[in-house]
Amino acid sequence: MPREEQVCEIITVGNELLTGRTLNTNSQWLAERITQIGGFVRRCVVVRDNVIEIAEILKEALRRNPNFIIVAGGLGPTYDDLTLDGVAKGFKRRLVVNKRALQMLRTKYRQMWKKGVIEKYELTEARIKMARLPSGAIPLLNPVGTAPGVLLNLDSCILACLPGVPSEMKGIFEESLKQVIAERTGRVFSYSRTLNVEGIVESSIAPLLEKIVGRFPDVYIKSHPQGIEGGISRIRIEFTGRSRTKGRVKVRVSKAAQELAKVIRKRGGSVELV
């Protein structure tokens, strides 16, 4: 595992996520991307568009002392975009017009006007709303849309707020936030193998898994039942490891997968290692 684990918590904001009308792909993408660059995602939470609830969930997350809190959603110009109000309330900061954020917005809307996307490019009250950031915050350029991302240093924790539009969230993360996390994490290698198992049920595999986990505590092993088709049980078992040494993680993950495969074959199961 990394020398100093960089723990991340993800918070996604939006009523539409809690009613099920919108699939929460943002949490999945962020968790996968953070893991890829060496971070450790400890928790993902969804909260509705409510200032008090946003403030409370942020304070709760901070009490667990993560290195990063990443919030997605609620940075736009409409009445229900309340993430920054929640940040301000939760951490007792004033919302102030950030000159740099204002200039980012001015440039964006001028570009949109020149392209004929909008009729006028002046900064209306709704547009200026996106430049009102908690005091001490740093705006992050949005390469896709208009609302800037927001970075706020909370002593040992960095809070990053990103738009909820997936393309905008990904754009800001890749251009501004990825490097911040990667620099703190250092170089970490992740490696995975998968066993596709047929002909043996999960309850029979469980004690075998427990023994392999005991022998390879540095490898995360997770079984995923795929159901029964034609009277044949199918299970996917994933092996994942992380290390600062590329060779070590590949050896440990592969060895764990191979040992389990060997035992399952002895029990009459069919195994494919990929």
Protein backbone atom coordinates (compact mmCIF):
# COMPACT_ATOMS: atom_id res chain seq x y z
CA MET A 1 0.00 0.00 0.00
CA PRO A 2 1.13 3.63 -0.44
CA ARG A 3 3.55 5.10 2.07
CA GLU A 4 0.94 7.64 3.10
CA GLU A 5 -2.60 6.72 2.08
CA GLN A 6 -4.51 9.66 0.61
CA VAL A 7 -8.08 9.12 1.81
CA CYS A 8 -10.89 10.62 -0.28
CA GLU A 9 -14.58 11.01 0.42
CA ILE A 10 -17.02 11.71 -2.41
CA ILE A 11 -20.27 13.63 -1.97
CA THR A 12 -22.73 13.99 -4.85
CA VAL A 13 -25.51 16.55 -4.61
CA GLY A 14 -28.91 16.52 -6.26
CA ASN A 15 -32.54 15.60 -5.61
CA GLU A 16 -32.63 13.86 -8.99
CA LEU A 17 -30.05 11.34 -7.76
CA LEU A 18 -32.17 10.43 -4.73
CA THR A 19 -35.42 10.05 -6.68
CA GLY A 20 -33.69 7.74 -9.13
CA ARG A 21 -34.46 9.93 -12.15
CA THR A 22 -30.75 10.41 -12.81
CA LEU A 23 -28.19 7.61 -12.63
CA ASN A 24 -25.31 8.63 -10.38
CA THR A 25 -22.44 8.00 -12.80
CA ASN A 26 -20.38 10.81 -11.21
CA SER A 27 -19.63 8.84 -8.05
CA GLN A 28 -18.61 5.78 -10.04
CA TRP A 29 -16.33 7.76 -12.36
CA LEU A 30 -14.69 9.72 -9.55
CA ALA A 31 -14.12 6.60 -7.44
CA GLU A 32 -12.53 4.75 -10.33
CA ARG A 33 -10.38 7.69 -11.42
CA ILE A 34 -9.17 8.48 -7.90
CA THR A 35 -8.24 4.83 -7.36
CA GLN A 36 -6.36 4.76 -10.66
CA ILE A 37 -4.11 7.63 -9.62
CA GLY A 38 -3.35 6.16 -6.21
CA GLY A 39 -6.00 7.62 -3.91
CA PHE A 40 -8.17 5.58 -1.56
CA VAL A 41 -11.92 6.23 -1.67
CA ARG A 42 -13.34 5.54 1.77
CA ARG A 43 -16.92 6.70 1.34
CA CYS A 44 -19.46 7.93 -1.23
CA VAL A 45 -22.55 9.83 -0.05
CA VAL A 46 -25.52 11.38 -1.86
CA VAL A 47 -27.34 14.40 -0.41
CA ARG A 48 -30.27 16.45 -1.68
CA ASP A 49 -30.27 20.10 -2.69
CA ASN A 50 -30.57 21.54 0.79
CA VAL A 51 -28.15 24.00 2.40
CA ILE A 52 -28.41 22.57 5.91
CA GLU A 53 -28.00 18.97 4.78
CA ILE A 54 -25.03 19.84 2.56
CA ALA A 55 -23.40 21.72 5.44
CA GLU A 56 -23.96 18.83 7.86
CA ILE A 57 -22.65 16.13 5.53
CA LEU A 58 -19.52 18.20 4.87
CA LYS A 59 -18.83 18.70 8.58
CA GLU A 60 -19.42 15.02 9.21
CA ALA A 61 -16.95 14.08 6.47
CA LEU A 62 -14.32 16.48 7.81
CA ARG A 63 -14.56 14.93 11.29
CA ARG A 64 -13.28 11.66 9.78
CA ASN A 65 -10.08 13.49 8.76
CA PRO A 66 -9.88 12.59 5.05
CA ASN A 67 -7.18 14.11 2.87
CA PHE A 68 -9.73 15.08 0.21
CA ILE A 69 -13.46 15.75 0.12
CA ILE A 70 -14.76 15.93 -3.43
CA VAL A 71 -18.25 17.27 -4.07
CA ALA A 72 -20.01 16.98 -7.43
CA GLY A 73 -23.13 18.97 -8.30
CA GLY A 74 -24.88 22.17 -7.30
CA LEU A 75 -22.55 24.84 -8.74
CA GLY A 76 -24.81 26.26 -11.43
CA PRO A 77 -26.81 29.51 -11.77
CA THR A 78 -30.26 28.29 -10.67
CA TYR A 79 -32.04 28.62 -7.33
CA ASP A 80 -31.43 24.99 -6.36
CA ASP A 81 -27.66 25.06 -6.97
CA LEU A 82 -26.76 25.30 -3.29
CA THR A 83 -23.46 23.50 -2.80
CA LEU A 84 -21.37 26.60 -2.15
CA ASP A 85 -24.01 27.96 0.23
CA GLY A 86 -23.67 24.67 2.11
CA VAL A 87 -19.88 24.95 2.16
CA ALA A 88 -20.09 28.51 3.47
CA LYS A 89 -22.56 27.55 6.18
CA GLY A 90 -20.73 24.37 7.19
CA PHE A 91 -17.33 26.02 7.57
CA LYS A 92 -18.47 29.50 8.63
CA ARG A 93 -17.18 31.30 5.55
CA ARG A 94 -18.68 34.26 3.75
CA LEU A 95 -19.73 33.92 0.13
CA VAL A 96 -17.90 36.65 -1.78
CA VAL A 97 -17.55 37.49 -5.45
CA ASN A 98 -14.20 36.06 -6.51
CA LYS A 99 -12.54 38.33 -9.09
CA ARG A 100 -10.74 35.49 -10.80
CA ALA A 101 -13.91 33.40 -11.05
CA LEU A 102 -15.77 36.44 -12.36
CA GLN A 103 -13.19 36.89 -15.11
CA MET A 104 -13.45 33.20 -16.03
CA LEU A 105 -17.20 33.62 -16.42
CA ARG A 106 -16.85 36.85 -18.38
CA THR A 107 -14.47 35.16 -20.83
CA LYS A 108 -16.72 32.11 -21.21
CA TYR A 109 -19.88 34.09 -21.91
CA ARG A 110 -18.07 36.34 -24.37
CA GLN A 111 -16.89 33.26 -26.25
CA MET A 112 -20.41 31.86 -26.28
CA TRP A 113 -21.77 35.18 -27.57
CA LYS A 114 -19.24 35.26 -30.40
CA LYS A 115 -20.29 31.76 -31.41
CA GLY A 116 -23.94 32.78 -31.42
CA VAL A 117 -24.87 30.51 -28.53
CA ILE A 118 -26.29 33.39 -26.47
CA GLU A 119 -27.70 36.79 -27.48
CA LYS A 120 -25.95 38.86 -24.79
CA TYR A 121 -22.80 38.20 -22.81
CA GLU A 122 -23.21 40.57 -19.89
CA LEU A 123 -22.94 39.07 -16.43
CA THR A 124 -26.46 38.77 -15.09
CA GLU A 125 -27.19 38.11 -11.43
CA ALA A 126 -27.65 34.40 -12.18
CA ARG A 127 -24.23 34.27 -13.83
CA ILE A 128 -22.53 36.25 -11.09
CA LYS A 129 -23.95 33.70 -8.61
CA MET A 130 -21.43 31.17 -9.97
CA ALA A 131 -18.56 33.52 -9.02
CA ARG A 132 -19.66 33.80 -5.38
CA LEU A 133 -17.24 31.49 -3.63
CA PRO A 134 -16.55 30.79 0.06
CA SER A 135 -13.86 33.16 1.32
CA GLY A 136 -10.39 31.77 0.75
CA ALA A 137 -11.48 29.49 -2.09
CA ILE A 138 -9.63 29.17 -5.40
CA PRO A 139 -11.63 28.89 -8.65
CA LEU A 140 -10.76 26.10 -11.06
CA LEU A 141 -11.15 26.72 -14.78
CA ASN A 142 -14.01 24.82 -16.40
CA PRO A 143 -12.73 23.77 -19.85
CA VAL A 144 -16.12 22.50 -20.98
CA GLY A 145 -18.86 24.65 -19.42
CA THR A 146 -19.23 27.86 -17.44
CA ALA A 147 -19.36 27.21 -13.67
CA PRO A 148 -15.83 27.20 -12.21
CA GLY A 149 -14.78 24.42 -9.92
CA VAL A 150 -13.78 25.40 -6.39
CA LEU A 151 -10.78 24.41 -4.27
CA LEU A 152 -10.72 25.18 -0.55
CA ASN A 153 -7.92 24.28 1.85
CA LEU A 154 -9.29 23.12 5.21
CA ASP A 155 -5.97 22.68 7.02
CA SER A 156 -5.14 18.98 6.56
CA CYS A 157 -8.00 18.43 4.11
CA ILE A 158 -8.58 19.77 0.61
CA LEU A 159 -12.19 20.34 -0.39
CA ALA A 160 -12.93 20.35 -4.12
CA CYS A 161 -16.34 21.21 -5.55
CA LEU A 162 -17.08 20.26 -9.16
CA PRO A 163 -20.11 20.79 -11.41
CA GLY A 164 -22.60 17.95 -11.70
CA VAL A 165 -22.64 17.88 -15.51
CA PRO A 166 -20.44 14.82 -16.14
CA SER A 167 -18.38 16.31 -18.98
CA GLU A 168 -17.64 19.43 -16.92
CA MET A 169 -16.83 17.45 -13.80
CA LYS A 170 -14.42 15.23 -15.73
CA GLY A 171 -12.83 18.19 -17.50
CA ILE A 172 -12.05 20.08 -14.29
CA PHE A 173 -10.88 16.94 -12.53
CA GLU A 174 -8.46 16.01 -15.30
CA GLU A 175 -7.06 19.51 -15.81
CA SER A 176 -6.91 20.79 -12.24
CA LEU A 177 -7.56 18.19 -9.55
CA LYS A 178 -5.88 15.02 -10.78
CA GLN A 179 -2.41 16.46 -10.37
CA VAL A 180 -3.12 17.67 -6.83
CA ILE A 181 -4.15 14.18 -5.71
CA ALA A 182 -1.35 12.44 -7.64
CA GLU A 183 1.34 14.69 -6.14
CA ARG A 184 0.22 13.91 -2.61
CA THR A 185 -0.16 10.20 -3.27
CA GLY A 186 3.07 9.60 -5.13
CA ARG A 187 3.53 6.80 -7.62
CA VAL A 188 1.21 3.88 -6.87
CA PHE A 189 0.65 0.87 -9.10
CA SER A 190 -2.70 -0.91 -9.22
CA TYR A 191 -3.16 -4.36 -10.74
CA SER A 192 -6.19 -6.64 -11.13
CA ARG A 193 -6.97 -10.18 -12.26
CA THR A 194 -10.34 -11.90 -12.59
CA LEU A 195 -11.41 -15.52 -12.14
CA ASN A 196 -14.53 -16.61 -14.00
CA VAL A 197 -15.81 -19.67 -12.15
CA GLU A 198 -18.46 -22.17 -13.22
CA GLY A 199 -19.95 -25.21 -11.56
CA ILE A 200 -19.49 -24.27 -7.91
CA VAL A 201 -21.71 -22.05 -5.76
CA GLU A 202 -20.53 -19.06 -3.72
CA SER A 203 -21.22 -20.69 -0.35
CA SER A 204 -18.79 -23.48 -1.29
CA ILE A 205 -16.17 -20.95 -2.38
CA ALA A 206 -16.49 -18.82 0.80
CA PRO A 207 -14.22 -20.93 3.05
CA LEU A 208 -11.66 -21.23 0.24
CA LEU A 209 -11.68 -17.44 -0.15
CA GLU A 210 -11.13 -16.96 3.55
CA LYS A 211 -7.95 -19.05 3.45
CA ILE A 212 -6.57 -17.17 0.43
CA VAL A 213 -7.35 -13.81 2.04
CA GLY A 214 -5.40 -14.92 5.12
CA ARG A 215 -2.39 -15.77 2.96
CA PHE A 216 -2.58 -12.59 0.86
CA PRO A 217 -3.77 -9.76 3.16
CA ASP A 218 -2.39 -7.17 0.71
CA VAL A 219 -4.74 -8.35 -2.06
CA TYR A 220 -8.42 -7.35 -2.05
CA ILE A 221 -10.56 -10.28 -3.19
CA LYS A 222 -14.24 -9.89 -4.01
CA SER A 223 -16.69 -12.47 -5.35
CA HIS A 224 -19.61 -11.45 -7.59
CA PRO A 225 -22.28 -14.13 -8.18
CA GLN A 226 -23.54 -14.00 -11.77
CA GLY A 227 -26.54 -16.24 -11.26
CA ILE A 228 -27.38 -19.75 -12.45
CA GLU A 229 -27.93 -20.53 -16.14
CA GLY A 230 -28.81 -23.98 -17.41
CA GLY A 231 -28.27 -25.37 -13.95
CA ILE A 232 -24.68 -24.05 -13.84
CA SER A 233 -23.60 -21.53 -11.20
CA ARG A 234 -21.38 -18.69 -12.44
CA ILE A 235 -19.23 -16.44 -10.25
CA ARG A 236 -16.76 -13.68 -11.05
CA ILE A 237 -13.97 -13.23 -8.51
CA GLU A 238 -11.83 -10.10 -8.67
CA PHE A 239 -8.33 -9.70 -7.23
CA THR A 240 -6.90 -6.21 -6.81
CA GLY A 241 -3.66 -4.97 -5.29
CA ARG A 242 -1.83 -1.67 -4.89
CA SER A 243 1.85 -1.08 -4.28
CA ARG A 244 4.66 1.37 -4.94
CA THR A 245 6.47 -1.50 -6.67
CA LYS A 246 4.94 -2.58 -9.99
CA GLY A 247 6.54 -6.03 -10.00
CA ARG A 248 5.46 -6.85 -6.46
CA VAL A 249 1.80 -6.05 -6.95
CA LYS A 250 1.58 -8.09 -10.16
CA VAL A 251 3.22 -11.09 -8.51
CA ARG A 252 1.04 -10.98 -5.38
CA VAL A 253 -2.25 -10.55 -7.25
CA SER A 254 -1.44 -13.23 -9.81
CA LYS A 255 -0.28 -15.69 -7.17
CA ALA A 256 -3.44 -15.21 -5.09
CA ALA A 257 -5.63 -15.77 -8.16
CA GLN A 258 -3.68 -18.82 -9.27
CA GLU A 259 -3.81 -20.45 -5.84
CA LEU A 260 -7.57 -20.00 -5.58
CA ALA A 261 -8.04 -21.30 -9.13
CA LYS A 262 -6.07 -24.42 -8.26
CA VAL A 263 -8.20 -25.15 -5.20
CA ILE A 264 -11.48 -24.54 -7.07
CA ARG A 265 -10.44 -26.95 -9.85
CA LYS A 266 -9.76 -29.60 -7.21
CA ARG A 267 -13.32 -29.09 -5.96
CA GLY A 268 -14.70 -29.75 -9.45
CA GLY A 269 -15.21 -26.15 -10.58
CA SER A 270 -14.28 -24.78 -13.99
CA VAL A 271 -12.01 -21.73 -13.92
CA GLU A 272 -10.88 -19.10 -16.43
CA LEU A 273 -8.19 -16.63 -15.28
CA VAL A 274 -8.20 -13.31 -17.14
